[in-house]
């Protein structure tokens, strides 16, 4: 696949990092429920190498996937890393022994998480670190994140982090973070059906800040799914491809990180960047949110 077909490019604000808009998310490289080792580690290594060969130049990961598993597989598959590869990781969470997802956002926990990422990825500096503000449900909370962003800014000043982003945040929390350090991207829940961030995306686009939606295909009612399936059938594409193509169409600052441990599924995801959506198809897809 030609790398100029990966959805075009976007430059992270205030950086020299220009990325293809279609990237890769490493979450599914871990075992079931993102916990423990995968059933087929060799397949995970192979899909990472295939992603790079196909032109993918940014990978989203976290050391609490597994925990530690995905970063160790990324290191095995790709180290020494290609010069144009940007690895984006998240801190702010941890896994319980029962596979539960727990906050880990004290200063000491954040510092430890950064060092864990550095060790498991075998890096001297992390390209981008997202602070994952905790909270449950679709919408972020409004708790202050100043302490956590200050810790990451201090680690940036020490040369351990190049750039800082945020995840699962509100516009108010982003504003608070930006008063402390430049923020290059926001990673929030967003898809065809769950569109609380519509205005947020537009505001970020106006300011040149990247927006990375997670859970790109989910939260649909049966009626909404039937609309998506109808559009997909008319385009001879899969529903996932259509959902990804719609996200790329949504705004120029949207970057995608679909994940998979299958090479075949990887190529299906990347091909979504070449899918053309007609005005009629877009009208049908946009109606999904209206019906929500």
Protein backbone atom coordinates (compact mmCIF):
# COMPACT_ATOMS: atom_id res chain seq x y z
CA UNK A 1 0.00 0.00 0.00
CA UNK A 2 1.32 3.42 -0.91
CA UNK A 3 2.03 5.51 2.19
CA UNK A 4 0.37 8.56 0.61
CA UNK A 5 -2.93 6.71 0.87
CA UNK A 6 -2.96 6.48 4.65
CA UNK A 7 -5.42 9.35 5.01
CA UNK A 8 -3.00 12.16 4.26
CA UNK A 9 -0.81 13.69 6.95
CA UNK A 10 -1.05 15.88 10.03
CA UNK A 11 1.71 17.74 11.87
CA UNK A 12 1.53 17.77 15.65
CA UNK A 13 1.41 21.40 16.85
CA UNK A 14 4.71 22.98 17.81
CA UNK A 15 6.68 19.93 16.65
CA UNK A 16 8.52 18.59 13.63
CA UNK A 17 6.44 15.39 13.77
CA UNK A 18 4.31 14.87 10.66
CA UNK A 19 2.25 11.68 10.75
CA UNK A 20 0.07 9.76 8.37
CA UNK A 21 -3.44 10.04 9.75
CA UNK A 22 -3.93 6.28 9.84
CA UNK A 23 -1.85 4.74 12.62
CA UNK A 24 -1.96 1.58 14.69
CA UNK A 25 -3.22 0.87 18.21
CA UNK A 26 -1.36 -1.81 20.17
CA UNK A 27 -4.00 -2.63 22.78
CA UNK A 28 -5.09 -5.87 21.08
CA UNK A 29 -1.57 -7.27 21.17
CA UNK A 30 -2.12 -8.28 24.80
CA UNK A 31 -4.17 -11.26 25.93
CA UNK A 32 -7.96 -11.41 26.41
CA UNK A 33 -9.37 -8.27 28.05
CA UNK A 34 -5.99 -6.61 27.42
CA UNK A 35 -4.51 -8.70 30.21
CA UNK A 36 -1.63 -11.16 30.15
CA UNK A 37 0.26 -12.47 27.12
CA UNK A 38 -1.31 -13.04 23.71
CA UNK A 39 -2.14 -16.51 22.46
CA UNK A 40 0.19 -16.07 19.49
CA UNK A 41 3.10 -13.73 20.20
CA UNK A 42 4.70 -14.41 16.81
CA UNK A 43 1.54 -13.23 15.06
CA UNK A 44 1.65 -10.01 17.07
CA UNK A 45 5.26 -9.41 16.09
CA UNK A 46 4.36 -10.08 12.45
CA UNK A 47 1.43 -7.64 12.39
CA UNK A 48 3.58 -4.85 13.84
CA UNK A 49 6.25 -5.38 11.21
CA UNK A 50 3.60 -5.49 8.49
CA UNK A 51 2.11 -2.22 9.73
CA UNK A 52 5.48 -0.49 9.43
CA UNK A 53 6.05 -2.05 5.99
CA UNK A 54 2.65 -0.64 4.91
CA UNK A 55 3.69 2.87 5.88
CA UNK A 56 2.26 3.27 9.37
CA UNK A 57 4.42 5.77 11.24
CA UNK A 58 2.73 6.08 14.64
CA UNK A 59 1.80 3.47 17.21
CA UNK A 60 -0.40 4.04 20.24
CA UNK A 61 0.39 1.94 23.29
CA UNK A 62 0.54 1.93 27.09
CA UNK A 63 2.59 0.03 29.61
CA UNK A 64 -0.61 -0.87 31.48
CA UNK A 65 -1.75 -2.92 28.48
CA UNK A 66 -0.92 -6.41 29.67
CA UNK A 67 0.57 -4.87 31.81
CA UNK A 68 3.93 -4.40 30.09
CA UNK A 69 3.04 -6.93 27.36
CA UNK A 70 2.36 -4.65 24.40
CA UNK A 71 5.46 -2.53 24.91
CA UNK A 72 7.65 -5.60 25.19
CA UNK A 73 6.19 -6.97 21.94
CA UNK A 74 6.71 -3.61 20.20
CA UNK A 75 10.35 -3.68 21.29
CA UNK A 76 10.79 -7.25 20.09
CA UNK A 77 9.21 -6.52 16.73
CA UNK A 78 10.61 -3.11 15.86
CA UNK A 79 13.70 -2.21 17.92
CA UNK A 80 15.88 -0.53 16.77
CA UNK A 81 12.98 1.64 15.67
CA UNK A 82 12.64 3.29 12.25
CA UNK A 83 13.65 6.95 12.39
CA UNK A 84 10.21 8.10 11.25
CA UNK A 85 8.27 6.05 13.82
CA UNK A 86 6.47 7.96 16.58
CA UNK A 87 5.41 5.93 19.61
CA UNK A 88 2.63 7.46 21.70
CA UNK A 89 2.04 6.01 25.15
CA UNK A 90 -0.38 6.65 28.02
CA UNK A 91 0.09 6.95 31.77
CA UNK A 92 -2.40 7.38 34.58
CA UNK A 93 -3.70 3.84 35.01
CA UNK A 94 -2.69 0.40 36.18
CA UNK A 95 -4.11 -3.11 36.20
CA UNK A 96 -5.27 -4.98 39.27
CA UNK A 97 -4.44 -8.66 39.77
CA UNK A 98 -8.02 -9.41 38.72
CA UNK A 99 -7.52 -7.52 35.42
CA UNK A 100 -9.43 -4.49 36.72
CA UNK A 101 -8.60 -1.01 35.42
CA UNK A 102 -7.49 1.31 38.21
CA UNK A 103 -6.28 4.91 38.41
CA UNK A 104 -2.56 5.44 39.01
CA UNK A 105 -2.13 9.17 38.88
CA UNK A 106 -0.11 10.18 41.93
CA UNK A 107 3.20 11.92 41.16
CA UNK A 108 5.22 8.84 42.11
CA UNK A 109 3.00 6.54 40.04
CA UNK A 110 3.30 8.79 36.99
CA UNK A 111 7.08 8.98 37.29
CA UNK A 112 7.27 5.20 37.65
CA UNK A 113 5.01 4.73 34.64
CA UNK A 114 7.24 6.89 32.47
CA UNK A 115 10.31 4.92 33.53
CA UNK A 116 8.46 1.62 32.95
CA UNK A 117 7.61 2.73 29.41
CA UNK A 118 11.20 3.78 28.76
CA UNK A 119 12.52 0.44 30.01
CA UNK A 120 10.03 -1.83 28.25
CA UNK A 121 10.29 0.05 24.96
CA UNK A 122 14.08 0.38 25.32
CA UNK A 123 14.01 4.14 24.73
CA UNK A 124 15.93 7.04 26.24
CA UNK A 125 13.06 9.47 25.62
CA UNK A 126 9.36 8.98 24.89
CA UNK A 127 7.99 10.75 21.80
CA UNK A 128 4.52 11.55 23.17
CA UNK A 129 3.02 10.75 26.58
CA UNK A 130 -0.72 11.12 27.09
CA UNK A 131 -2.06 11.59 30.59
CA UNK A 132 -5.23 9.53 30.88
CA UNK A 133 -7.58 11.40 33.20
CA UNK A 134 -9.65 8.83 35.04
CA UNK A 135 -13.40 8.62 35.33
CA UNK A 136 -16.14 6.31 34.18
CA UNK A 137 -18.78 6.52 31.49
CA UNK A 138 -18.77 8.22 28.13
CA UNK A 139 -18.04 11.75 29.31
CA UNK A 140 -14.88 12.87 31.11
CA UNK A 141 -15.04 14.41 34.54
CA UNK A 142 -14.07 17.93 35.56
CA UNK A 143 -11.50 17.13 38.26
CA UNK A 144 -8.30 19.14 38.18
CA UNK A 145 -5.41 17.51 36.31
CA UNK A 146 -2.91 20.26 37.07
CA UNK A 147 -0.80 18.16 39.42
CA UNK A 148 -0.48 15.31 36.95
CA UNK A 149 0.36 17.55 33.98
CA UNK A 150 2.92 19.38 36.10
CA UNK A 151 4.67 16.08 36.85
CA UNK A 152 4.82 15.23 33.13
CA UNK A 153 6.08 18.74 32.33
CA UNK A 154 8.89 18.24 34.86
CA UNK A 155 9.81 14.93 33.21
CA UNK A 156 9.75 16.70 29.85
CA UNK A 157 12.19 19.31 31.19
CA UNK A 158 14.46 16.45 32.30
CA UNK A 159 14.52 15.15 28.73
CA UNK A 160 12.49 11.98 29.30
CA UNK A 161 9.43 13.12 27.30
CA UNK A 162 9.36 15.10 24.05
CA UNK A 163 5.69 16.03 23.88
CA UNK A 164 2.59 15.74 26.07
CA UNK A 165 -1.02 14.90 25.27
CA UNK A 166 -4.17 14.16 27.25
CA UNK A 167 -6.86 11.47 27.15
CA UNK A 168 -10.46 11.29 28.39
CA UNK A 169 -10.56 15.01 29.13
CA UNK A 170 -13.06 17.83 28.91
CA UNK A 171 -12.35 21.19 27.24
CA UNK A 172 -11.96 22.67 30.74
CA UNK A 173 -9.32 20.09 31.64
CA UNK A 174 -7.51 20.70 28.35
CA UNK A 175 -7.45 24.43 29.06
CA UNK A 176 -5.99 23.72 32.50
CA UNK A 177 -3.29 21.51 30.98
CA UNK A 178 -2.42 24.02 28.27
CA UNK A 179 -1.77 26.65 30.93
CA UNK A 180 1.05 24.41 32.17
CA UNK A 181 2.57 22.92 29.01
CA UNK A 182 1.81 22.77 25.27
CA UNK A 183 -0.59 19.89 24.48
CA UNK A 184 -0.18 18.20 21.11
CA UNK A 185 -3.23 15.94 21.11
CA UNK A 186 -6.45 14.80 22.76
CA UNK A 187 -7.53 11.16 22.84
CA UNK A 188 -11.21 10.79 23.72
CA UNK A 189 -14.16 8.48 23.17
CA UNK A 190 -15.82 9.34 19.87
CA UNK A 191 -17.46 7.53 16.97
CA UNK A 192 -20.45 7.70 14.63
CA UNK A 193 -22.92 7.07 17.43
CA UNK A 194 -21.22 8.79 20.39
CA UNK A 195 -20.54 12.36 19.36
CA UNK A 196 -20.40 14.42 22.54
CA UNK A 197 -17.09 15.86 21.32
CA UNK A 198 -18.35 17.38 18.06
CA UNK A 199 -17.69 20.98 19.10
CA UNK A 200 -14.49 19.98 20.91
CA UNK A 201 -13.10 18.45 17.71
CA UNK A 202 -13.88 21.58 15.72
CA UNK A 203 -12.24 23.80 18.34
CA UNK A 204 -9.15 21.60 18.38
CA UNK A 205 -8.98 21.61 14.59
CA UNK A 206 -9.09 25.43 14.59
CA UNK A 207 -6.08 25.38 16.92
CA UNK A 208 -4.18 22.68 15.03
CA UNK A 209 -4.34 20.12 17.87
CA UNK A 210 -4.68 16.42 17.02
CA UNK A 211 -7.78 14.48 18.03
CA UNK A 212 -7.53 10.70 18.35
CA UNK A 213 -10.86 8.90 18.81
CA UNK A 214 -10.90 5.64 20.70
CA UNK A 215 -13.68 3.02 20.54
CA UNK A 216 -14.28 3.97 16.87
CA UNK A 217 -16.94 1.28 16.37
CA UNK A 218 -19.19 0.84 19.34
CA UNK A 219 -22.21 2.06 21.23
CA UNK A 220 -24.62 1.42 18.38
CA UNK A 221 -28.27 0.46 18.74
CA UNK A 222 -29.53 -2.25 16.37
CA UNK A 223 -31.20 0.43 14.23
CA UNK A 224 -28.00 2.44 13.98
CA UNK A 225 -26.01 -0.68 13.13
CA UNK A 226 -28.42 -1.46 10.31
CA UNK A 227 -27.83 1.99 8.81
CA UNK A 228 -24.07 1.52 9.01
CA UNK A 229 -24.36 -1.95 7.50
CA UNK A 230 -26.50 -0.57 4.67
CA UNK A 231 -23.93 2.06 3.75
CA UNK A 232 -21.11 -0.47 4.01
CA UNK A 233 -22.90 -2.89 1.69
CA UNK A 234 -23.45 -0.13 -0.88
CA UNK A 235 -19.71 0.59 -0.89
CA UNK A 236 -18.63 -3.05 -0.87
CA UNK A 237 -16.83 -2.34 2.40
CA UNK A 238 -17.03 -3.54 5.98
CA UNK A 239 -18.87 -1.53 8.66
CA UNK A 240 -15.55 -0.93 10.42
CA UNK A 241 -14.01 0.47 7.24
CA UNK A 242 -16.93 2.85 6.79
CA UNK A 243 -16.77 3.97 10.44
CA UNK A 244 -13.04 4.67 10.09
CA UNK A 245 -13.50 6.48 6.76
CA UNK A 246 -16.20 8.67 8.30
CA UNK A 247 -13.83 9.63 11.13
CA UNK A 248 -11.14 10.64 8.65
CA UNK A 249 -13.73 12.70 6.80
CA UNK A 250 -14.94 14.31 10.06
CA UNK A 251 -12.04 16.74 10.49
CA UNK A 252 -8.46 17.13 9.24
CA UNK A 253 -6.97 16.85 12.73
CA UNK A 254 -8.44 13.38 13.35
CA UNK A 255 -5.80 10.64 13.62
CA UNK A 256 -6.86 6.98 13.79
CA UNK A 257 -5.32 4.11 15.74
CA UNK A 258 -7.31 0.96 14.90
CA UNK A 259 -5.76 -2.14 16.39
CA UNK A 260 -5.65 -5.79 15.48
CA UNK A 261 -3.44 -8.85 15.85
CA UNK A 262 -4.34 -10.07 12.33
CA UNK A 263 -2.42 -9.04 9.20
CA UNK A 264 -5.55 -9.45 7.08
CA UNK A 265 -7.55 -7.21 9.41
CA UNK A 266 -4.67 -4.71 9.47
CA UNK A 267 -4.87 -4.27 5.70
CA UNK A 268 -8.67 -3.93 5.89
CA UNK A 269 -8.26 -1.12 8.41
CA UNK A 270 -5.61 0.69 6.39
CA UNK A 271 -7.72 0.40 3.22
CA UNK A 272 -10.44 2.42 4.94
CA UNK A 273 -8.31 5.52 4.30
CA UNK A 274 -8.94 5.08 0.56
CA UNK A 275 -12.72 4.74 0.90
CA UNK A 276 -14.67 7.57 -0.73
CA UNK A 277 -17.92 8.59 0.96
CA UNK A 278 -20.54 10.25 -1.24
CA UNK A 279 -22.74 13.09 0.08
CA UNK A 280 -25.61 10.60 0.23
CA UNK A 281 -23.55 8.14 2.27
CA UNK A 282 -22.45 10.92 4.63
CA UNK A 283 -26.05 12.03 5.14
CA UNK A 284 -27.04 8.51 6.13
CA UNK A 285 -24.06 8.12 8.44
CA UNK A 286 -24.59 11.51 10.07
CA UNK A 287 -28.20 10.54 10.80
CA UNK A 288 -26.91 7.81 13.11
CA UNK A 289 -25.96 10.38 15.74
CA UNK A 290 -29.21 12.26 15.27
CA UNK A 291 -31.06 9.04 16.06
CA UNK A 292 -28.99 8.41 19.18
